[in-house]
C-alpha atoms as a PDB file:
ATOM      1  CA  MET A   1       5.570   9.557  10.212  1.00  0.00           C
ATOM      2  CA  GLU A   2       5.625   7.192   7.248  1.00  0.00           C
ATOM      3  CA  ILE A   3       8.640   7.036   4.906  1.00  0.00           C
ATOM      4  CA  GLU A   4       7.675   4.920   1.923  1.00  0.00           C
ATOM      5  CA  ARG A   5       8.489   4.407  -1.728  1.00  0.00           C
ATOM      6  CA  LYS A   6       6.155   2.775  -4.230  1.00  0.00           C
ATOM      7  CA  PHE A   7       6.975   0.848  -7.410  1.00  0.00           C
ATOM      8  CA  LEU A   8       5.247  -0.939 -10.267  1.00  0.00           C
ATOM      9  CA  LEU A   9       6.166  -4.603 -10.619  1.00  0.00           C
ATOM     10  CA  LYS A  10       6.795  -6.424 -13.898  1.00  0.00           C
ATOM     11  CA  GLU A  11       4.800  -9.456 -12.780  1.00  0.00           C
ATOM     12  CA  VAL A  12       3.409 -11.252  -9.777  1.00  0.00           C
ATOM     13  CA  PRO A  13       6.345 -12.753  -7.859  1.00  0.00           C
ATOM     14  CA  ASP A  14       6.722 -16.543  -7.776  1.00  0.00           C
ATOM     15  CA  ASN A  15       5.385 -18.542  -4.843  1.00  0.00           C
ATOM     16  CA  LEU A  16       3.132 -15.792  -3.473  1.00  0.00           C
ATOM     17  CA  ASP A  17       1.168 -18.366  -1.508  1.00  0.00           C
ATOM     18  CA  THR A  18       4.248 -19.072   0.660  1.00  0.00           C
ATOM     19  CA  TYR A  19       4.253 -15.539   2.133  1.00  0.00           C
ATOM     20  CA  PRO A  20       1.978 -13.927   4.738  1.00  0.00           C
ATOM     21  CA  CYS A  21      -1.059 -12.351   3.091  1.00  0.00           C
ATOM     22  CA  LEU A  22      -3.525  -9.716   4.245  1.00  0.00           C
ATOM     23  CA  PHE A  23      -6.895  -9.227   2.578  1.00  0.00           C
ATOM     24  CA  ILE A  24      -7.579  -5.502   2.499  1.00  0.00           C
ATOM     25  CA  GLU A  25     -10.591  -3.443   1.538  1.00  0.00           C
ATOM     26  CA  GLN A  26     -10.483   0.289   2.032  1.00  0.00           C
ATOM     27  CA  GLY A  27     -12.459   3.380   1.214  1.00  0.00           C
ATOM     28  CA  TYR A  28     -11.834   7.111   1.423  1.00  0.00           C
ATOM     29  CA  LEU A  29     -13.967   9.576   3.344  1.00  0.00           C
ATOM     30  CA  CYS A  30     -11.762  12.539   2.408  1.00  0.00           C
ATOM     31  CA  ARG A  31      -8.767  13.126   0.127  1.00  0.00           C
ATOM     32  CA  ASN A  32      -7.357  16.389   1.490  1.00  0.00           C
ATOM     33  CA  PRO A  33      -6.302  15.381   4.055  1.00  0.00           C
ATOM     34  CA  VAL A  34      -6.649  11.668   3.369  1.00  0.00           C
ATOM     35  CA  ILE A  35      -9.019   9.962   5.770  1.00  0.00           C
ATOM     36  CA  ARG A  36      -9.390   6.270   5.091  1.00  0.00           C
ATOM     37  CA  ILE A  37     -11.301   3.350   6.555  1.00  0.00           C
ATOM     38  CA  ARG A  38      -9.762  -0.082   6.196  1.00  0.00           C
ATOM     39  CA  HIS A  39     -10.814  -3.659   6.860  1.00  0.00           C
ATOM     40  CA  GLN A  40      -7.648  -5.765   7.042  1.00  0.00           C
ATOM     41  CA  ASN A  41      -8.256  -9.417   7.898  1.00  0.00           C
ATOM     42  CA  ASP A  42      -9.888  -9.112  11.354  1.00  0.00           C
ATOM     43  CA  GLU A  43      -8.945  -5.467  11.991  1.00  0.00           C
ATOM     44  CA  TYR A  44     -10.862  -2.265  11.314  1.00  0.00           C
ATOM     45  CA  ILE A  45      -8.802   0.921  11.132  1.00  0.00           C
ATOM     46  CA  LEU A  46      -9.418   4.639  10.612  1.00  0.00           C
ATOM     47  CA  THR A  47      -6.343   6.344   9.131  1.00  0.00           C
ATOM     48  CA  TYR A  48      -5.350   9.971   8.721  1.00  0.00           C
ATOM     49  CA  LYS A  49      -2.582  10.727   6.193  1.00  0.00           C
ATOM     50  CA  GLY A  50      -1.021  14.144   5.832  1.00  0.00           C
ATOM     51  CA  LYS A  51       0.267  15.772   2.654  1.00  0.00           C
ATOM     52  CA  GLY A  52       3.286  14.428   0.857  1.00  0.00           C
ATOM     53  CA  HIS A  53       4.447  11.529  -1.247  1.00  0.00           C
ATOM     54  CA  MET A  54       7.476   9.727   0.151  1.00  0.00           C
ATOM     55  CA  VAL A  55       7.309  11.241   3.646  1.00  0.00           C
ATOM     56  CA  ARG A  56       4.078  12.116   5.411  1.00  0.00           C
ATOM     57  CA  ASP A  57       2.303  11.938   8.703  1.00  0.00           C
ATOM     58  CA  GLU A  58       0.145   8.887   9.222  1.00  0.00           C
ATOM     59  CA  TYR A  59      -2.012   8.025  12.213  1.00  0.00           C
ATOM     60  CA  ASP A  60      -3.964   4.788  12.618  1.00  0.00           C
ATOM     61  CA  LEU A  61      -6.854   4.548  15.057  1.00  0.00           C
ATOM     62  CA  PRO A  62      -8.825   1.414  15.934  1.00  0.00           C
ATOM     63  CA  LEU A  63     -12.288   1.620  14.418  1.00  0.00           C
ATOM     64  CA  GLY A  64     -14.214  -1.583  15.138  1.00  0.00           C
ATOM     65  CA  LYS A  65     -16.484  -3.499  12.795  1.00  0.00           C
ATOM     66  CA  GLU A  66     -19.621  -1.504  13.648  1.00  0.00           C
ATOM     67  CA  GLY A  67     -17.900   1.836  13.006  1.00  0.00           C
ATOM     68  CA  TYR A  68     -16.466   0.536   9.730  1.00  0.00           C
ATOM     69  CA  GLU A  69     -19.867  -0.679   8.552  1.00  0.00           C
ATOM     70  CA  GLN A  70     -21.496   2.661   9.449  1.00  0.00           C
ATOM     71  CA  LEU A  71     -18.854   4.654   7.536  1.00  0.00           C
ATOM     72  CA  LEU A  72     -18.633   2.349   4.514  1.00  0.00           C
ATOM     73  CA  PRO A  73     -21.709   3.804   2.707  1.00  0.00           C
ATOM     74  CA  LYS A  74     -20.198   7.290   3.117  1.00  0.00           C
ATOM     75  CA  ILE A  75     -16.988   6.629   1.146  1.00  0.00           C
ATOM     76  CA  ASP A  76     -16.243   8.806  -1.848  1.00  0.00           C
ATOM     77  CA  GLY A  77     -15.423   6.703  -4.894  1.00  0.00           C
ATOM     78  CA  ARG A  78     -15.057   2.966  -5.133  1.00  0.00           C
ATOM     79  CA  LEU A  79     -13.908   0.477  -2.550  1.00  0.00           C
ATOM     80  CA  ILE A  80     -10.301  -0.638  -3.110  1.00  0.00           C
ATOM     81  CA  THR A  81      -9.756  -4.387  -2.660  1.00  0.00           C
ATOM     82  CA  LYS A  82      -6.359  -6.040  -2.705  1.00  0.00           C
ATOM     83  CA  ARG A  83      -4.243  -8.817  -1.318  1.00  0.00           C
ATOM     84  CA  ARG A  84      -1.045  -7.658   0.349  1.00  0.00           C
ATOM     85  CA  TYR A  85       1.853 -10.101   0.451  1.00  0.00           C
ATOM     86  CA  LEU A  86       4.738  -9.455   2.844  1.00  0.00           C
ATOM     87  CA  ILE A  87       7.923 -10.543   1.087  1.00  0.00           C
ATOM     88  CA  PRO A  88      11.511 -10.050   2.273  1.00  0.00           C
ATOM     89  CA  LEU A  89      13.347  -7.929  -0.323  1.00  0.00           C
ATOM     90  CA  LYS A  90      16.143 -10.515  -0.457  1.00  0.00           C
ATOM     91  CA  ASP A  91      13.605 -13.090  -1.755  1.00  0.00           C
ATOM     92  CA  LEU A  92      12.782 -10.836  -4.733  1.00  0.00           C
ATOM     93  CA  ASP A  93      16.385  -9.938  -5.547  1.00  0.00           C
ATOM     94  CA  ASN A  94      19.329 -11.869  -4.115  1.00  0.00           C
ATOM     95  CA  SER A  95      21.601  -8.827  -4.454  1.00  0.00           C
ATOM     96  CA  TYR A  96      19.793  -7.598  -1.308  1.00  0.00           C
ATOM     97  CA  GLU A  97      20.855 -10.655   0.686  1.00  0.00           C
ATOM     98  CA  ASP A  98      21.861  -8.545   3.700  1.00  0.00           C
ATOM     99  CA  SER A  99      18.702  -6.420   3.662  1.00  0.00           C
ATOM    100  CA  ASN A 100      16.049  -6.657   6.353  1.00  0.00           C
ATOM    101  CA  LEU A 101      13.533  -4.673   4.283  1.00  0.00           C
ATOM    102  CA  THR A 102      10.098  -6.092   3.573  1.00  0.00           C
ATOM    103  CA  VAL A 103       8.275  -5.461   0.309  1.00  0.00           C
ATOM    104  CA  GLU A 104       4.509  -5.145   0.593  1.00  0.00           C
ATOM    105  CA  VAL A 105       3.266  -6.473  -2.744  1.00  0.00           C
ATOM    106  CA  ASP A 106      -0.299  -5.341  -3.413  1.00  0.00           C
ATOM    107  CA  VAL A 107      -2.215  -7.400  -5.967  1.00  0.00           C
ATOM    108  CA  PHE A 108      -5.362  -5.433  -6.701  1.00  0.00           C
ATOM    109  CA  GLU A 109      -8.782  -6.947  -7.339  1.00  0.00           C
ATOM    110  CA  GLY A 110     -12.098  -5.495  -8.473  1.00  0.00           C
ATOM    111  CA  HIS A 111     -11.948  -2.396 -10.673  1.00  0.00           C
ATOM    112  CA  MET A 112      -8.118  -2.230 -10.344  1.00  0.00           C
ATOM    113  CA  ALA A 113      -7.496  -5.921 -11.182  1.00  0.00           C
ATOM    114  CA  GLY A 114      -4.199  -6.358 -12.996  1.00  0.00           C
ATOM    115  CA  THR A 115      -2.410  -3.625 -11.033  1.00  0.00           C
ATOM    116  CA  ILE A 116       0.543  -4.826  -8.959  1.00  0.00           C
ATOM    117  CA  LEU A 117       2.342  -2.374  -6.699  1.00  0.00           C
ATOM    118  CA  ALA A 118       5.258  -2.820  -4.321  1.00  0.00           C
ATOM    119  CA  GLU A 119       5.699  -0.572  -1.296  1.00  0.00           C
ATOM    120  CA  ILE A 120       8.744  -0.416   0.931  1.00  0.00           C
ATOM    121  CA  GLU A 121       8.819   1.452   4.234  1.00  0.00           C
ATOM    122  CA  PHE A 122      12.111   2.876   5.453  1.00  0.00           C
ATOM    123  CA  ASP A 123      13.397   3.891   8.872  1.00  0.00           C
ATOM    124  CA  ASP A 124      14.834   7.175   7.633  1.00  0.00           C
ATOM    125  CA  ILE A 125      14.741   9.520   4.656  1.00  0.00           C
ATOM    126  CA  GLU A 126      18.372   8.946   3.705  1.00  0.00           C
ATOM    127  CA  ASP A 127      17.829   5.193   3.311  1.00  0.00           C
ATOM    128  CA  ALA A 128      14.742   5.841   1.197  1.00  0.00           C
ATOM    129  CA  LEU A 129      16.555   8.297  -1.077  1.00  0.00           C
ATOM    130  CA  ASN A 130      19.566   5.984  -1.504  1.00  0.00           C
ATOM    131  CA  PHE A 131      17.499   2.879  -2.275  1.00  0.00           C
ATOM    132  CA  VAL A 132      18.294   1.410  -5.692  1.00  0.00           C
ATOM    133  CA  MET A 133      15.301  -0.191  -7.385  1.00  0.00           C
ATOM    134  CA  PRO A 134      15.728  -3.963  -8.021  1.00  0.00           C
ATOM    135  CA  GLU A 135      15.369  -5.312 -11.561  1.00  0.00           C
ATOM    136  CA  CYS A 136      11.978  -6.901 -10.848  1.00  0.00           C
ATOM    137  CA  PHE A 137      10.513  -3.397 -10.408  1.00  0.00           C
ATOM    138  CA  ILE A 138       9.622  -1.462 -13.559  1.00  0.00           C
ATOM    139  CA  GLU A 139       9.087   2.083 -12.382  1.00  0.00           C
ATOM    140  CA  ASP A 140       9.231   4.239  -9.251  1.00  0.00           C
ATOM    141  CA  VAL A 141       5.746   5.747  -8.856  1.00  0.00           C
ATOM    142  CA  THR A 142       6.253   7.233  -5.390  1.00  0.00           C
ATOM    143  CA  ILE A 143       5.430  10.780  -6.474  1.00  0.00           C
ATOM    144  CA  ASP A 144       2.851   9.871  -9.133  1.00  0.00           C
ATOM    145  CA  PRO A 145      -0.575  10.757  -7.674  1.00  0.00           C
ATOM    146  CA  ALA A 146      -2.231   8.281 -10.066  1.00  0.00           C
ATOM    147  CA  TYR A 147      -0.889   5.486  -7.865  1.00  0.00           C
ATOM    148  CA  HIS A 148      -2.186   6.816  -4.572  1.00  0.00           C
ATOM    149  CA  ASN A 149      -4.932   4.430  -3.513  1.00  0.00           C
ATOM    150  CA  SER A 150      -7.154   7.423  -2.736  1.00  0.00           C
ATOM    151  CA  ASN A 151      -6.994   8.475  -6.391  1.00  0.00           C
ATOM    152  CA  MET A 152      -7.263   4.906  -7.666  1.00  0.00           C
ATOM    153  CA  SER A 153     -10.615   4.672  -5.874  1.00  0.00           C
ATOM    154  CA  LEU A 154     -11.968   7.301  -8.282  1.00  0.00           C
ATOM    155  CA  ILE A 155     -11.238   5.240 -11.415  1.00  0.00           C
ATOM    156  CA  SER A 156     -14.391   3.799 -12.969  1.00  0.00           C
END
């Protein structure tokens, strides 16, 4: 099960190049339920995501490069490309100095260039519900379907 909240960021955080970065491209074979293929650095993953926004089932299965390449022409919509930076929350907002949370900052490329999203995964629902958005975030878009990558892949 994945417990995650998603936010829009005001701007790209400073010193992005000092944090671990993953290059991600992903496409969607199905949206209900979500079935996604992803190439992330040297990994190839097939993912199933259940219904929901903040809390939903998620299962990752190894796919392999050959399987990814065979499924890629079958995606519905456009390929999503982004760079994901893994930033400790305390580095974005020093009021979270005692936090061990990591913010996954997605800087989109291609047809979604200019979009910057932050995702935070939580260990339990209570922590997710009690999380107070830092000032560097503009808006909580967790329940806004427009910011689900599966829907963003349909934007021309």
